[in-house]
C-alpha atoms as a PDB file:
ATOM      1  CA  MET A   1      -1.508  20.061  16.642  1.00  0.00           C
ATOM      2  CA  THR A   2       0.513  18.809  13.600  1.00  0.00           C
ATOM      3  CA  VAL A   3      -1.048  19.512  10.234  1.00  0.00           C
ATOM      4  CA  PRO A   4      -1.344  16.138   8.492  1.00  0.00           C
ATOM      5  CA  ASP A   5       1.221  15.715   5.652  1.00  0.00           C
ATOM      6  CA  PRO A   6       0.604  12.665   3.381  1.00  0.00           C
ATOM      7  CA  ILE A   7       4.058  12.733   2.133  1.00  0.00           C
ATOM      8  CA  THR A   8       5.947  12.689   5.380  1.00  0.00           C
ATOM      9  CA  GLY A   9       3.115  10.951   7.291  1.00  0.00           C
ATOM     10  CA  GLU A  10       3.220  13.500  10.053  1.00  0.00           C
ATOM     11  CA  GLY A  11      -0.131  14.117  11.743  1.00  0.00           C
ATOM     12  CA  PHE A  12      -1.634  10.752  10.818  1.00  0.00           C
ATOM     13  CA  ASP A  13      -2.235   7.840  13.230  1.00  0.00           C
ATOM     14  CA  ALA A  14      -0.159   5.569  11.045  1.00  0.00           C
ATOM     15  CA  PRO A  15       3.500   4.488  10.941  1.00  0.00           C
ATOM     16  CA  LEU A  16       5.857   6.986   9.418  1.00  0.00           C
ATOM     17  CA  PRO A  17       7.489   5.781   6.177  1.00  0.00           C
ATOM     18  CA  ASP A  18      10.782   4.774   7.761  1.00  0.00           C
ATOM     19  CA  ALA A  19       8.970   2.567  10.293  1.00  0.00           C
ATOM     20  CA  ALA A  20       6.373   1.220   7.815  1.00  0.00           C
ATOM     21  CA  TYR A  21       9.019   0.150   5.294  1.00  0.00           C
ATOM     22  CA  ALA A  22      11.801  -0.841   7.725  1.00  0.00           C
ATOM     23  CA  ALA A  23      11.548  -4.562   6.716  1.00  0.00           C
ATOM     24  CA  ALA A  24      10.891  -3.880   3.021  1.00  0.00           C
ATOM     25  CA  PRO A  25      13.221  -5.354   0.435  1.00  0.00           C
ATOM     26  CA  GLY A  26      15.377  -3.065  -1.618  1.00  0.00           C
ATOM     27  CA  LEU A  27      13.548  -1.109  -4.372  1.00  0.00           C
ATOM     28  CA  HIS A  28      14.955  -3.192  -7.291  1.00  0.00           C
ATOM     29  CA  ARG A  29      13.991  -6.481  -5.645  1.00  0.00           C
ATOM     30  CA  GLU A  30      10.598  -5.116  -4.767  1.00  0.00           C
ATOM     31  CA  MET A  31      10.018  -3.982  -8.363  1.00  0.00           C
ATOM     32  CA  ARG A  32      10.781  -7.450  -9.623  1.00  0.00           C
ATOM     33  CA  GLU A  33       8.394  -9.053  -7.070  1.00  0.00           C
ATOM     34  CA  VAL A  34       5.625  -6.569  -7.818  1.00  0.00           C
ATOM     35  CA  ILE A  35       5.980  -7.311 -11.544  1.00  0.00           C
ATOM     36  CA  ALA A  36       5.746 -11.028 -10.867  1.00  0.00           C
ATOM     37  CA  LEU A  37       2.663 -10.428  -8.695  1.00  0.00           C
ATOM     38  CA  ALA A  38       1.136  -8.405 -11.527  1.00  0.00           C
ATOM     39  CA  ALA A  39       1.595 -11.327 -13.889  1.00  0.00           C
ATOM     40  CA  GLN A  40      -0.065 -13.672 -11.358  1.00  0.00           C
ATOM     41  CA  TYR A  41      -2.890 -11.182 -10.834  1.00  0.00           C
ATOM     42  CA  ASP A  42      -3.490 -11.020 -14.612  1.00  0.00           C
ATOM     43  CA  ALA A  43      -3.529 -14.763 -14.894  1.00  0.00           C
ATOM     44  CA  ARG A  44      -6.069 -15.172 -12.101  1.00  0.00           C
ATOM     45  CA  ARG A  45      -8.524 -12.347 -12.969  1.00  0.00           C
ATOM     46  CA  SER A  46     -10.754 -14.655 -14.995  1.00  0.00           C
ATOM     47  CA  GLU A  47     -11.504 -16.955 -12.084  1.00  0.00           C
ATOM     48  CA  PRO A  48     -12.169 -14.956  -8.884  1.00  0.00           C
ATOM     49  CA  THR A  49     -11.903 -17.024  -5.734  1.00  0.00           C
ATOM     50  CA  ALA A  50     -10.947 -16.339  -2.138  1.00  0.00           C
ATOM     51  CA  SER A  51      -7.312 -17.101  -2.946  1.00  0.00           C
ATOM     52  CA  THR A  52      -7.509 -14.874  -5.981  1.00  0.00           C
ATOM     53  CA  HIS A  53      -8.727 -12.000  -3.773  1.00  0.00           C
ATOM     54  CA  ALA A  54      -5.856 -12.538  -1.408  1.00  0.00           C
ATOM     55  CA  ALA A  55      -3.390 -12.513  -4.311  1.00  0.00           C
ATOM     56  CA  GLN A  56      -4.981  -9.378  -5.744  1.00  0.00           C
ATOM     57  CA  ARG A  57      -4.867  -7.675  -2.347  1.00  0.00           C
ATOM     58  CA  LEU A  58      -1.146  -8.536  -1.994  1.00  0.00           C
ATOM     59  CA  TYR A  59      -0.435  -7.112  -5.453  1.00  0.00           C
ATOM     60  CA  TRP A  60      -2.369  -3.823  -4.677  1.00  0.00           C
ATOM     61  CA  LEU A  61      -0.705  -3.487  -1.311  1.00  0.00           C
ATOM     62  CA  ARG A  62       2.860  -4.077  -2.540  1.00  0.00           C
ATOM     63  CA  ARG A  63       2.362  -1.940  -5.647  1.00  0.00           C
ATOM     64  CA  ALA A  64       0.993   0.902  -3.587  1.00  0.00           C
ATOM     65  CA  ALA A  65       3.923   0.555  -1.121  1.00  0.00           C
ATOM     66  CA  LEU A  66       6.442   0.455  -3.895  1.00  0.00           C
ATOM     67  CA  LEU A  67       5.120   3.577  -5.555  1.00  0.00           C
ATOM     68  CA  ASP A  68       4.977   5.364  -2.156  1.00  0.00           C
ATOM     69  CA  ARG A  69       8.573   4.438  -1.517  1.00  0.00           C
ATOM     70  CA  LEU A  70       9.634   5.588  -5.025  1.00  0.00           C
ATOM     71  CA  ALA A  71       7.809   8.863  -4.533  1.00  0.00           C
ATOM     72  CA  LEU A  72       9.475   9.413  -1.154  1.00  0.00           C
ATOM     73  CA  ASP A  73      12.848   8.852  -2.827  1.00  0.00           C
ATOM     74  CA  ASP A  74      11.980  11.104  -5.748  1.00  0.00           C
ATOM     75  CA  GLY A  75      13.003  14.814  -5.684  1.00  0.00           C
ATOM     76  CA  GLY A  76      11.170  15.481  -8.880  1.00  0.00           C
ATOM     77  CA  ASP A  77       8.152  17.412 -10.050  1.00  0.00           C
ATOM     78  CA  GLY A  78       5.392  15.505  -8.341  1.00  0.00           C
ATOM     79  CA  HIS A  79       4.475  12.879 -10.897  1.00  0.00           C
ATOM     80  CA  ALA A  80       5.759  10.134  -8.671  1.00  0.00           C
ATOM     81  CA  HIS A  81       3.686  11.493  -5.782  1.00  0.00           C
ATOM     82  CA  GLN A  82       0.565  11.543  -7.982  1.00  0.00           C
ATOM     83  CA  ALA A  83       1.175   7.939  -8.967  1.00  0.00           C
ATOM     84  CA  ALA A  84       1.647   6.944  -5.333  1.00  0.00           C
ATOM     85  CA  ALA A  85      -1.601   8.689  -4.338  1.00  0.00           C
ATOM     86  CA  GLN A  86      -3.517   7.016  -7.114  1.00  0.00           C
ATOM     87  CA  SER A  87      -2.208   3.602  -6.275  1.00  0.00           C
ATOM     88  CA  ALA A  88      -3.004   4.162  -2.621  1.00  0.00           C
ATOM     89  CA  GLN A  89      -6.544   5.012  -3.639  1.00  0.00           C
ATOM     90  CA  MET A  90      -6.767   1.754  -5.660  1.00  0.00           C
ATOM     91  CA  LEU A  91      -5.709  -0.233  -2.625  1.00  0.00           C
ATOM     92  CA  ALA A  92      -8.300   1.532  -0.473  1.00  0.00           C
ATOM     93  CA  ARG A  93     -11.041   0.868  -3.098  1.00  0.00           C
ATOM     94  CA  PHE A  94     -10.063  -2.819  -3.171  1.00  0.00           C
ATOM     95  CA  ASP A  95     -10.062  -2.970   0.657  1.00  0.00           C
ATOM     96  CA  ALA A  96     -13.375  -1.280   0.850  1.00  0.00           C
ATOM     97  CA  GLY A  97     -14.875  -4.102  -1.141  1.00  0.00           C
ATOM     98  CA  HIS A  98     -13.051  -6.702   1.015  1.00  0.00           C
ATOM     99  CA  PRO A  99     -12.980  -5.307   4.534  1.00  0.00           C
ATOM    100  CA  GLU A 100     -12.056  -8.716   5.985  1.00  0.00           C
ATOM    101  CA  MET A 101      -8.614  -8.251   4.410  1.00  0.00           C
ATOM    102  CA  VAL A 102      -7.789  -4.947   6.226  1.00  0.00           C
ATOM    103  CA  ALA A 103      -5.160  -5.541   8.780  1.00  0.00           C
ATOM    104  CA  GLY A 104      -4.649  -2.133  10.386  1.00  0.00           C
ATOM    105  CA  TYR A 105      -6.707  -0.359  12.953  1.00  0.00           C
ATOM    106  CA  TYR A 106      -8.358   2.195  10.564  1.00  0.00           C
ATOM    107  CA  GLY A 107     -10.289   0.957   7.519  1.00  0.00           C
ATOM    108  CA  PRO A 108      -9.976   2.511   4.130  1.00  0.00           C
ATOM    109  CA  GLY A 109     -13.074   4.663   4.686  1.00  0.00           C
ATOM    110  CA  SER A 110     -11.874   6.191   7.834  1.00  0.00           C
ATOM    111  CA  PRO A 111     -11.820  10.112   8.028  1.00  0.00           C
ATOM    112  CA  GLN A 112      -8.174   9.520   9.054  1.00  0.00           C
ATOM    113  CA  TRP A 113      -7.387   9.165   5.319  1.00  0.00           C
ATOM    114  CA  PHE A 114      -9.411  12.140   4.104  1.00  0.00           C
ATOM    115  CA  LEU A 115      -6.335  13.946   2.816  1.00  0.00           C
ATOM    116  CA  SER A 116      -4.608  10.881   1.389  1.00  0.00           C
ATOM    117  CA  HIS A 117      -4.571   7.127   1.430  1.00  0.00           C
ATOM    118  CA  ARG A 118      -0.739   6.942   1.372  1.00  0.00           C
ATOM    119  CA  PRO A 119      -0.566   6.752   5.166  1.00  0.00           C
ATOM    120  CA  TYR A 120      -3.210   4.028   4.885  1.00  0.00           C
ATOM    121  CA  VAL A 121      -0.822   2.098   2.663  1.00  0.00           C
ATOM    122  CA  ARG A 122       1.899   2.453   5.328  1.00  0.00           C
ATOM    123  CA  GLN A 123      -0.488   1.268   8.057  1.00  0.00           C
ATOM    124  CA  GLU A 124      -1.385  -1.834   5.966  1.00  0.00           C
ATOM    125  CA  TYR A 125       2.199  -2.552   4.886  1.00  0.00           C
ATOM    126  CA  ALA A 126       3.445  -2.352   8.428  1.00  0.00           C
ATOM    127  CA  ALA A 127       0.577  -4.696   9.622  1.00  0.00           C
ATOM    128  CA  TRP A 128       1.440  -7.051   6.771  1.00  0.00           C
ATOM    129  CA  THR A 129       5.072  -7.247   7.612  1.00  0.00           C
ATOM    130  CA  ALA A 130       4.290  -7.614  11.374  1.00  0.00           C
ATOM    131  CA  ALA A 131       2.223 -10.615  10.455  1.00  0.00           C
ATOM    132  CA  GLY A 132       5.158 -12.211   8.695  1.00  0.00           C
ATOM    133  CA  CYS A 133       4.282 -11.112   5.161  1.00  0.00           C
ATOM    134  CA  PRO A 134       1.566 -13.741   4.516  1.00  0.00           C
ATOM    135  CA  GLY A 135       1.037 -14.698   0.892  1.00  0.00           C
ATOM    136  CA  THR A 136       4.618 -14.482  -0.124  1.00  0.00           C
END
């Protein structure tokens, strides 16, 4: 039995990072797009609607995936990994309040993610790209 490792993704029933992010744009392009989504998210916060929730969800998903990818690329002291873990938890909290938006097999409250929600982000990002990246 493999000991679950949130960084490599080994031991989780979720895509490994290389598979989850295979169709992801380059990091610089993704940063620009996440910044643009953040601006849209800020502009829509005052008027919550179903489309606003979808836009918020897209922002949290892509932000968490971006931070996960940056952490995987970072050989530093762990600050990037901490930011990725916190962002993954934020996506999981959002999804817990909007379970109809969860695309993967395991929901955010699954014991599967007890150690970390970073593999949850990979599951959701892979499902989002497999669905044709709706909302973009």
